[in-house]
Amino acid sequence: GVVDWTVKMWRTWLVARAVIGIAAYLIFGGVPGGAAPADPATPAADEHWRAGAAALQDGLNEIAEKELRVYLESTVGEPAAAERAAEAITMLARAMMEQGRTEELLNFLDAHKRWLRRALPGAIPFWRALAFFEIGRIPEALDALDRYGTRFPDSPYLDKVMRLTAWCRLKSGDTEGALALFADFDRV
């Protein structure tokens, strides 16, 4: 039935991604569209990184989560892998958010805040605020976003934070504040 077909398609996708990834790595030294390795992780760990990143890009969030968790477990304690592990944690957070597992995401972020704070400044407040917004805890979302631009002026999340703050204000009844933020975003 439908379940068998879905399982077959996922397996086919995994095999195809693995073959393409191995061939691209051997021929070109990388995966087309994939991030280049930033740490001296083992080839097996690197393959989990690539598979997780590709699955996330393709919207296969459960597979992305599985592969990224394996990558993180295989690089624990490797100082050279800390920055890339923080990025993997951020991708994992995105996969969890897209699966609607916001409460679990909040716990996950708390458990990994050391790496995230060091490698990706501003990631924790953004993902926490987004999770709070998704579960309707708007005051907590606004609190997480408070003075974000001042605290993290070089964050890659600044535009997302501005839009999320506007949406939070709109949901909390501050229509004028939300419209002002949307207007500011349009000027940027």
C-alpha atoms as a PDB file:
ATOM      1  CA  GLY A   1       0.000   0.000   0.000  1.00  0.00           C
ATOM      2  CA  VAL A   2       0.905   3.607   0.553  1.00  0.00           C
ATOM      3  CA  VAL A   3       3.183   2.862   3.507  1.00  0.00           C
ATOM      4  CA  ASP A   4       5.212   0.324   1.506  1.00  0.00           C
ATOM      5  CA  TRP A   5       5.534   2.771  -1.369  1.00  0.00           C
ATOM      6  CA  THR A   6       6.668   5.561   1.002  1.00  0.00           C
ATOM      7  CA  VAL A   7       9.276   3.317   2.645  1.00  0.00           C
ATOM      8  CA  LYS A   8      10.522   2.224  -0.782  1.00  0.00           C
ATOM      9  CA  MET A   9      10.839   5.859  -1.924  1.00  0.00           C
ATOM     10  CA  TRP A  10      12.785   6.849   1.215  1.00  0.00           C
ATOM     11  CA  ARG A  11      15.144   3.921   0.776  1.00  0.00           C
ATOM     12  CA  THR A  12      15.616   4.789  -2.895  1.00  0.00           C
ATOM     13  CA  TRP A  13      16.346   8.403  -1.955  1.00  0.00           C
ATOM     14  CA  LEU A  14      18.908   7.363   0.667  1.00  0.00           C
ATOM     15  CA  VAL A  15      20.697   4.995  -1.715  1.00  0.00           C
ATOM     16  CA  ALA A  16      20.690   7.595  -4.506  1.00  0.00           C
ATOM     17  CA  ARG A  17      22.030  10.315  -2.153  1.00  0.00           C
ATOM     18  CA  ALA A  18      24.759   7.984  -0.910  1.00  0.00           C
ATOM     19  CA  VAL A  19      25.821   7.015  -4.433  1.00  0.00           C
ATOM     20  CA  ILE A  20      25.792  10.624  -5.642  1.00  0.00           C
ATOM     21  CA  GLY A  21      27.638  11.765  -2.530  1.00  0.00           C
ATOM     22  CA  ILE A  22      30.338   9.121  -2.823  1.00  0.00           C
ATOM     23  CA  ALA A  23      30.785   9.706  -6.550  1.00  0.00           C
ATOM     24  CA  ALA A  24      30.946  13.486  -6.134  1.00  0.00           C
ATOM     25  CA  TYR A  25      33.372  13.154  -3.255  1.00  0.00           C
ATOM     26  CA  LEU A  26      35.657  10.867  -5.241  1.00  0.00           C
ATOM     27  CA  ILE A  27      35.443  12.865  -8.466  1.00  0.00           C
ATOM     28  CA  PHE A  28      35.107  16.467  -7.325  1.00  0.00           C
ATOM     29  CA  GLY A  29      36.080  16.384  -3.657  1.00  0.00           C
ATOM     30  CA  GLY A  30      32.622  17.403  -2.446  1.00  0.00           C
ATOM     31  CA  VAL A  31      28.880  16.974  -2.701  1.00  0.00           C
ATOM     32  CA  PRO A  32      27.089  19.157  -5.259  1.00  0.00           C
ATOM     33  CA  GLY A  33      25.286  21.845  -3.298  1.00  0.00           C
ATOM     34  CA  GLY A  34      26.648  20.488  -0.024  1.00  0.00           C
ATOM     35  CA  ALA A  35      28.709  22.339   2.525  1.00  0.00           C
ATOM     36  CA  ALA A  36      32.423  21.677   2.429  1.00  0.00           C
ATOM     37  CA  PRO A  37      33.765  19.993   5.529  1.00  0.00           C
ATOM     38  CA  ALA A  38      35.018  22.512   8.058  1.00  0.00           C
ATOM     39  CA  ASP A  39      36.576  20.056  10.458  1.00  0.00           C
ATOM     40  CA  PRO A  40      38.768  16.980  10.312  1.00  0.00           C
ATOM     41  CA  ALA A  41      35.890  14.617  11.126  1.00  0.00           C
ATOM     42  CA  THR A  42      36.211  10.999  10.159  1.00  0.00           C
ATOM     43  CA  PRO A  43      34.904  10.126   6.686  1.00  0.00           C
ATOM     44  CA  ALA A  44      31.990   8.256   8.283  1.00  0.00           C
ATOM     45  CA  ALA A  45      31.033  11.281  10.382  1.00  0.00           C
ATOM     46  CA  ASP A  46      31.412  13.522   7.360  1.00  0.00           C
ATOM     47  CA  GLU A  47      29.010  11.324   5.381  1.00  0.00           C
ATOM     48  CA  HIS A  48      26.399  11.721   8.131  1.00  0.00           C
ATOM     49  CA  TRP A  49      26.916  15.509   7.983  1.00  0.00           C
ATOM     50  CA  ARG A  50      26.361  15.548   4.237  1.00  0.00           C
ATOM     51  CA  ALA A  51      23.349  13.236   4.378  1.00  0.00           C
ATOM     52  CA  GLY A  52      21.777  15.309   7.153  1.00  0.00           C
ATOM     53  CA  ALA A  53      22.343  18.603   5.353  1.00  0.00           C
ATOM     54  CA  ALA A  54      20.976  17.191   2.089  1.00  0.00           C
ATOM     55  CA  ALA A  55      17.919  15.663   3.775  1.00  0.00           C
ATOM     56  CA  LEU A  56      17.163  18.966   5.508  1.00  0.00           C
ATOM     57  CA  GLN A  57      17.496  20.823   2.225  1.00  0.00           C
ATOM     58  CA  ASP A  58      15.115  18.319   0.599  1.00  0.00           C
ATOM     59  CA  GLY A  59      12.562  18.658   3.410  1.00  0.00           C
ATOM     60  CA  LEU A  60      13.157  15.156   4.801  1.00  0.00           C
ATOM     61  CA  ASN A  61      13.336  16.364   8.385  1.00  0.00           C
ATOM     62  CA  GLU A  62      13.181  12.993  10.143  1.00  0.00           C
ATOM     63  CA  ILE A  63      16.097  11.669   8.099  1.00  0.00           C
ATOM     64  CA  ALA A  64      17.997  14.924   8.628  1.00  0.00           C
ATOM     65  CA  GLU A  65      17.503  14.642  12.371  1.00  0.00           C
ATOM     66  CA  LYS A  66      18.708  11.041  12.433  1.00  0.00           C
ATOM     67  CA  GLU A  67      21.824  11.759  10.349  1.00  0.00           C
ATOM     68  CA  LEU A  68      22.742  14.918  12.254  1.00  0.00           C
ATOM     69  CA  ARG A  69      22.363  13.163  15.604  1.00  0.00           C
ATOM     70  CA  VAL A  70      24.712  10.403  14.406  1.00  0.00           C
ATOM     71  CA  TYR A  71      27.190  13.072  13.243  1.00  0.00           C
ATOM     72  CA  LEU A  72      27.058  14.821  16.621  1.00  0.00           C
ATOM     73  CA  GLU A  73      27.484  11.570  18.557  1.00  0.00           C
ATOM     74  CA  SER A  74      30.492  10.606  16.430  1.00  0.00           C
ATOM     75  CA  THR A  75      32.288  13.937  16.928  1.00  0.00           C
ATOM     76  CA  VAL A  76      31.729  14.429  20.672  1.00  0.00           C
ATOM     77  CA  GLY A  77      34.904  15.615  22.353  1.00  0.00           C
ATOM     78  CA  GLU A  78      36.696  16.652  19.146  1.00  0.00           C
ATOM     79  CA  PRO A  79      37.700  20.286  19.732  1.00  0.00           C
ATOM     80  CA  ALA A  80      38.311  20.838  16.006  1.00  0.00           C
ATOM     81  CA  ALA A  81      34.689  19.831  15.301  1.00  0.00           C
ATOM     82  CA  ALA A  82      33.075  22.261  17.775  1.00  0.00           C
ATOM     83  CA  GLU A  83      32.099  24.942  15.258  1.00  0.00           C
ATOM     84  CA  ARG A  84      30.679  22.485  12.775  1.00  0.00           C
ATOM     85  CA  ALA A  85      28.875  20.629  15.554  1.00  0.00           C
ATOM     86  CA  ALA A  86      27.174  23.875  16.573  1.00  0.00           C
ATOM     87  CA  GLU A  87      26.017  24.324  12.987  1.00  0.00           C
ATOM     88  CA  ALA A  88      24.755  20.716  12.993  1.00  0.00           C
ATOM     89  CA  ILE A  89      22.831  21.476  16.184  1.00  0.00           C
ATOM     90  CA  THR A  90      21.260  24.488  14.485  1.00  0.00           C
ATOM     91  CA  MET A  91      20.234  22.373  11.489  1.00  0.00           C
ATOM     92  CA  LEU A  92      18.874  19.771  13.881  1.00  0.00           C
ATOM     93  CA  ALA A  93      16.863  22.492  15.630  1.00  0.00           C
ATOM     94  CA  ARG A  94      15.384  23.508  12.282  1.00  0.00           C
ATOM     95  CA  ALA A  95      14.437  19.897  11.510  1.00  0.00           C
ATOM     96  CA  MET A  96      12.742  19.561  14.898  1.00  0.00           C
ATOM     97  CA  MET A  97      10.888  22.855  14.425  1.00  0.00           C
ATOM     98  CA  GLU A  98       9.649  21.809  11.012  1.00  0.00           C
ATOM     99  CA  GLN A  99       8.334  18.579  12.567  1.00  0.00           C
ATOM    100  CA  GLY A 100       6.346  20.643  15.077  1.00  0.00           C
ATOM    101  CA  ARG A 101       8.297  19.411  18.118  1.00  0.00           C
ATOM    102  CA  THR A 102       8.661  22.824  19.760  1.00  0.00           C
ATOM    103  CA  GLU A 103       8.685  21.779  23.421  1.00  0.00           C
ATOM    104  CA  GLU A 104      11.369  19.194  22.705  1.00  0.00           C
ATOM    105  CA  LEU A 105      13.292  21.851  20.766  1.00  0.00           C
ATOM    106  CA  LEU A 106      13.352  24.177  23.775  1.00  0.00           C
ATOM    107  CA  ASN A 107      14.859  21.409  25.930  1.00  0.00           C
ATOM    108  CA  PHE A 108      17.316  20.522  23.187  1.00  0.00           C
ATOM    109  CA  LEU A 109      18.541  24.138  22.884  1.00  0.00           C
ATOM    110  CA  ASP A 110      19.087  24.352  26.633  1.00  0.00           C
ATOM    111  CA  ALA A 111      21.140  21.155  26.530  1.00  0.00           C
ATOM    112  CA  HIS A 112      23.443  22.455  23.761  1.00  0.00           C
ATOM    113  CA  LYS A 113      23.723  26.153  24.508  1.00  0.00           C
ATOM    114  CA  ARG A 114      27.472  26.064  25.199  1.00  0.00           C
ATOM    115  CA  TRP A 115      28.377  25.129  21.625  1.00  0.00           C
ATOM    116  CA  LEU A 116      25.754  27.359  20.084  1.00  0.00           C
ATOM    117  CA  ARG A 117      26.755  30.451  22.032  1.00  0.00           C
ATOM    118  CA  ARG A 118      30.378  30.050  21.016  1.00  0.00           C
ATOM    119  CA  ALA A 119      29.986  29.062  17.376  1.00  0.00           C
ATOM    120  CA  LEU A 120      26.725  30.719  16.303  1.00  0.00           C
ATOM    121  CA  PRO A 121      26.028  33.823  18.377  1.00  0.00           C
ATOM    122  CA  GLY A 122      22.329  34.611  18.450  1.00  0.00           C
ATOM    123  CA  ALA A 123      21.115  31.155  17.439  1.00  0.00           C
ATOM    124  CA  ILE A 124      19.647  30.220  20.827  1.00  0.00           C
ATOM    125  CA  PRO A 125      17.510  33.351  21.319  1.00  0.00           C
ATOM    126  CA  PHE A 126      16.176  33.107  17.767  1.00  0.00           C
ATOM    127  CA  TRP A 127      15.210  29.425  17.936  1.00  0.00           C
ATOM    128  CA  ARG A 128      13.792  29.799  21.444  1.00  0.00           C
ATOM    129  CA  ALA A 129      11.692  32.769  20.334  1.00  0.00           C
ATOM    130  CA  LEU A 130      10.448  30.898  17.278  1.00  0.00           C
ATOM    131  CA  ALA A 131       9.508  27.889  19.402  1.00  0.00           C
ATOM    132  CA  PHE A 132       7.700  30.107  21.932  1.00  0.00           C
ATOM    133  CA  PHE A 133       5.855  31.840  19.072  1.00  0.00           C
ATOM    134  CA  GLU A 134       4.774  28.519  17.571  1.00  0.00           C
ATOM    135  CA  ILE A 135       3.267  27.298  20.840  1.00  0.00           C
ATOM    136  CA  GLY A 136       1.594  30.637  21.571  1.00  0.00           C
ATOM    137  CA  ARG A 137       3.859  31.856  24.358  1.00  0.00           C
ATOM    138  CA  ILE A 138       4.173  35.331  22.829  1.00  0.00           C
ATOM    139  CA  PRO A 139       5.465  37.263  25.904  1.00  0.00           C
ATOM    140  CA  GLU A 140       8.324  34.757  26.249  1.00  0.00           C
ATOM    141  CA  ALA A 141       9.070  35.026  22.532  1.00  0.00           C
ATOM    142  CA  LEU A 142       9.250  38.825  22.784  1.00  0.00           C
ATOM    143  CA  ASP A 143      11.478  38.519  25.849  1.00  0.00           C
ATOM    144  CA  ALA A 144      13.895  36.241  23.929  1.00  0.00           C
ATOM    145  CA  LEU A 145      13.987  38.776  21.074  1.00  0.00           C
ATOM    146  CA  ASP A 146      14.447  41.831  23.309  1.00  0.00           C
ATOM    147  CA  ARG A 147      17.527  43.899  22.286  1.00  0.00           C
ATOM    148  CA  TYR A 148      18.590  41.132  19.872  1.00  0.00           C
ATOM    149  CA  GLY A 149      20.143  43.563  17.363  1.00  0.00           C
ATOM    150  CA  THR A 150      22.211  45.199  20.103  1.00  0.00           C
ATOM    151  CA  ARG A 151      23.398  41.905  21.556  1.00  0.00           C
ATOM    152  CA  PHE A 152      24.080  40.188  18.202  1.00  0.00           C
ATOM    153  CA  PRO A 153      24.710  42.904  15.594  1.00  0.00           C
ATOM    154  CA  ASP A 154      26.428  40.503  13.153  1.00  0.00           C
ATOM    155  CA  SER A 155      23.967  37.624  13.517  1.00  0.00           C
ATOM    156  CA  PRO A 156      22.761  35.945  10.336  1.00  0.00           C
ATOM    157  CA  TYR A 157      19.326  35.797  12.001  1.00  0.00           C
ATOM    158  CA  LEU A 158      18.730  39.584  12.166  1.00  0.00           C
ATOM    159  CA  ASP A 159      16.202  39.749   9.327  1.00  0.00           C
ATOM    160  CA  LYS A 160      14.318  36.729  10.665  1.00  0.00           C
ATOM    161  CA  VAL A 161      14.316  38.257  14.150  1.00  0.00           C
ATOM    162  CA  MET A 162      12.832  41.491  12.837  1.00  0.00           C
ATOM    163  CA  ARG A 163       9.987  39.655  11.070  1.00  0.00           C
ATOM    164  CA  LEU A 164       9.384  37.339  14.031  1.00  0.00           C
ATOM    165  CA  THR A 165       9.245  40.313  16.409  1.00  0.00           C
ATOM    166  CA  ALA A 166       6.680  41.967  14.142  1.00  0.00           C
ATOM    167  CA  TRP A 167       4.547  38.818  14.091  1.00  0.00           C
ATOM    168  CA  CYS A 168       4.797  38.515  17.883  1.00  0.00           C
ATOM    169  CA  ARG A 169       3.651  42.109  18.299  1.00  0.00           C
ATOM    170  CA  LEU A 170       0.761  41.512  15.926  1.00  0.00           C
ATOM    171  CA  LYS A 171      -0.331  38.410  17.873  1.00  0.00           C
ATOM    172  CA  SER A 172      -0.067  40.298  21.163  1.00  0.00           C
ATOM    173  CA  GLY A 173      -2.364  43.071  19.882  1.00  0.00           C
ATOM    174  CA  ASP A 174       0.295  45.695  19.145  1.00  0.00           C
ATOM    175  CA  THR A 175      -0.747  46.288  15.536  1.00  0.00           C
ATOM    176  CA  GLU A 176       0.971  49.684  15.264  1.00  0.00           C
ATOM    177  CA  GLY A 177       4.261  48.285  16.563  1.00  0.00           C
ATOM    178  CA  ALA A 178       4.022  45.334  14.175  1.00  0.00           C
ATOM    179  CA  LEU A 179       3.292  47.564  11.170  1.00  0.00           C
ATOM    180  CA  ALA A 180       6.236  49.811  12.086  1.00  0.00           C
ATOM    181  CA  LEU A 181       8.566  46.797  12.214  1.00  0.00           C
ATOM    182  CA  PHE A 182       7.285  45.444   8.903  1.00  0.00           C
ATOM    183  CA  ALA A 183       7.833  48.910   7.379  1.00  0.00           C
ATOM    184  CA  ASP A 184      11.365  49.041   8.822  1.00  0.00           C
ATOM    185  CA  PHE A 185      12.065  45.596   7.370  1.00  0.00           C
ATOM    186  CA  ASP A 186      10.873  46.712   3.941  1.00  0.00           C
ATOM    187  CA  ARG A 187      13.367  49.611   4.048  1.00  0.00           C
ATOM    188  CA  VAL A 188      16.314  47.407   4.953  1.00  0.00           C
END
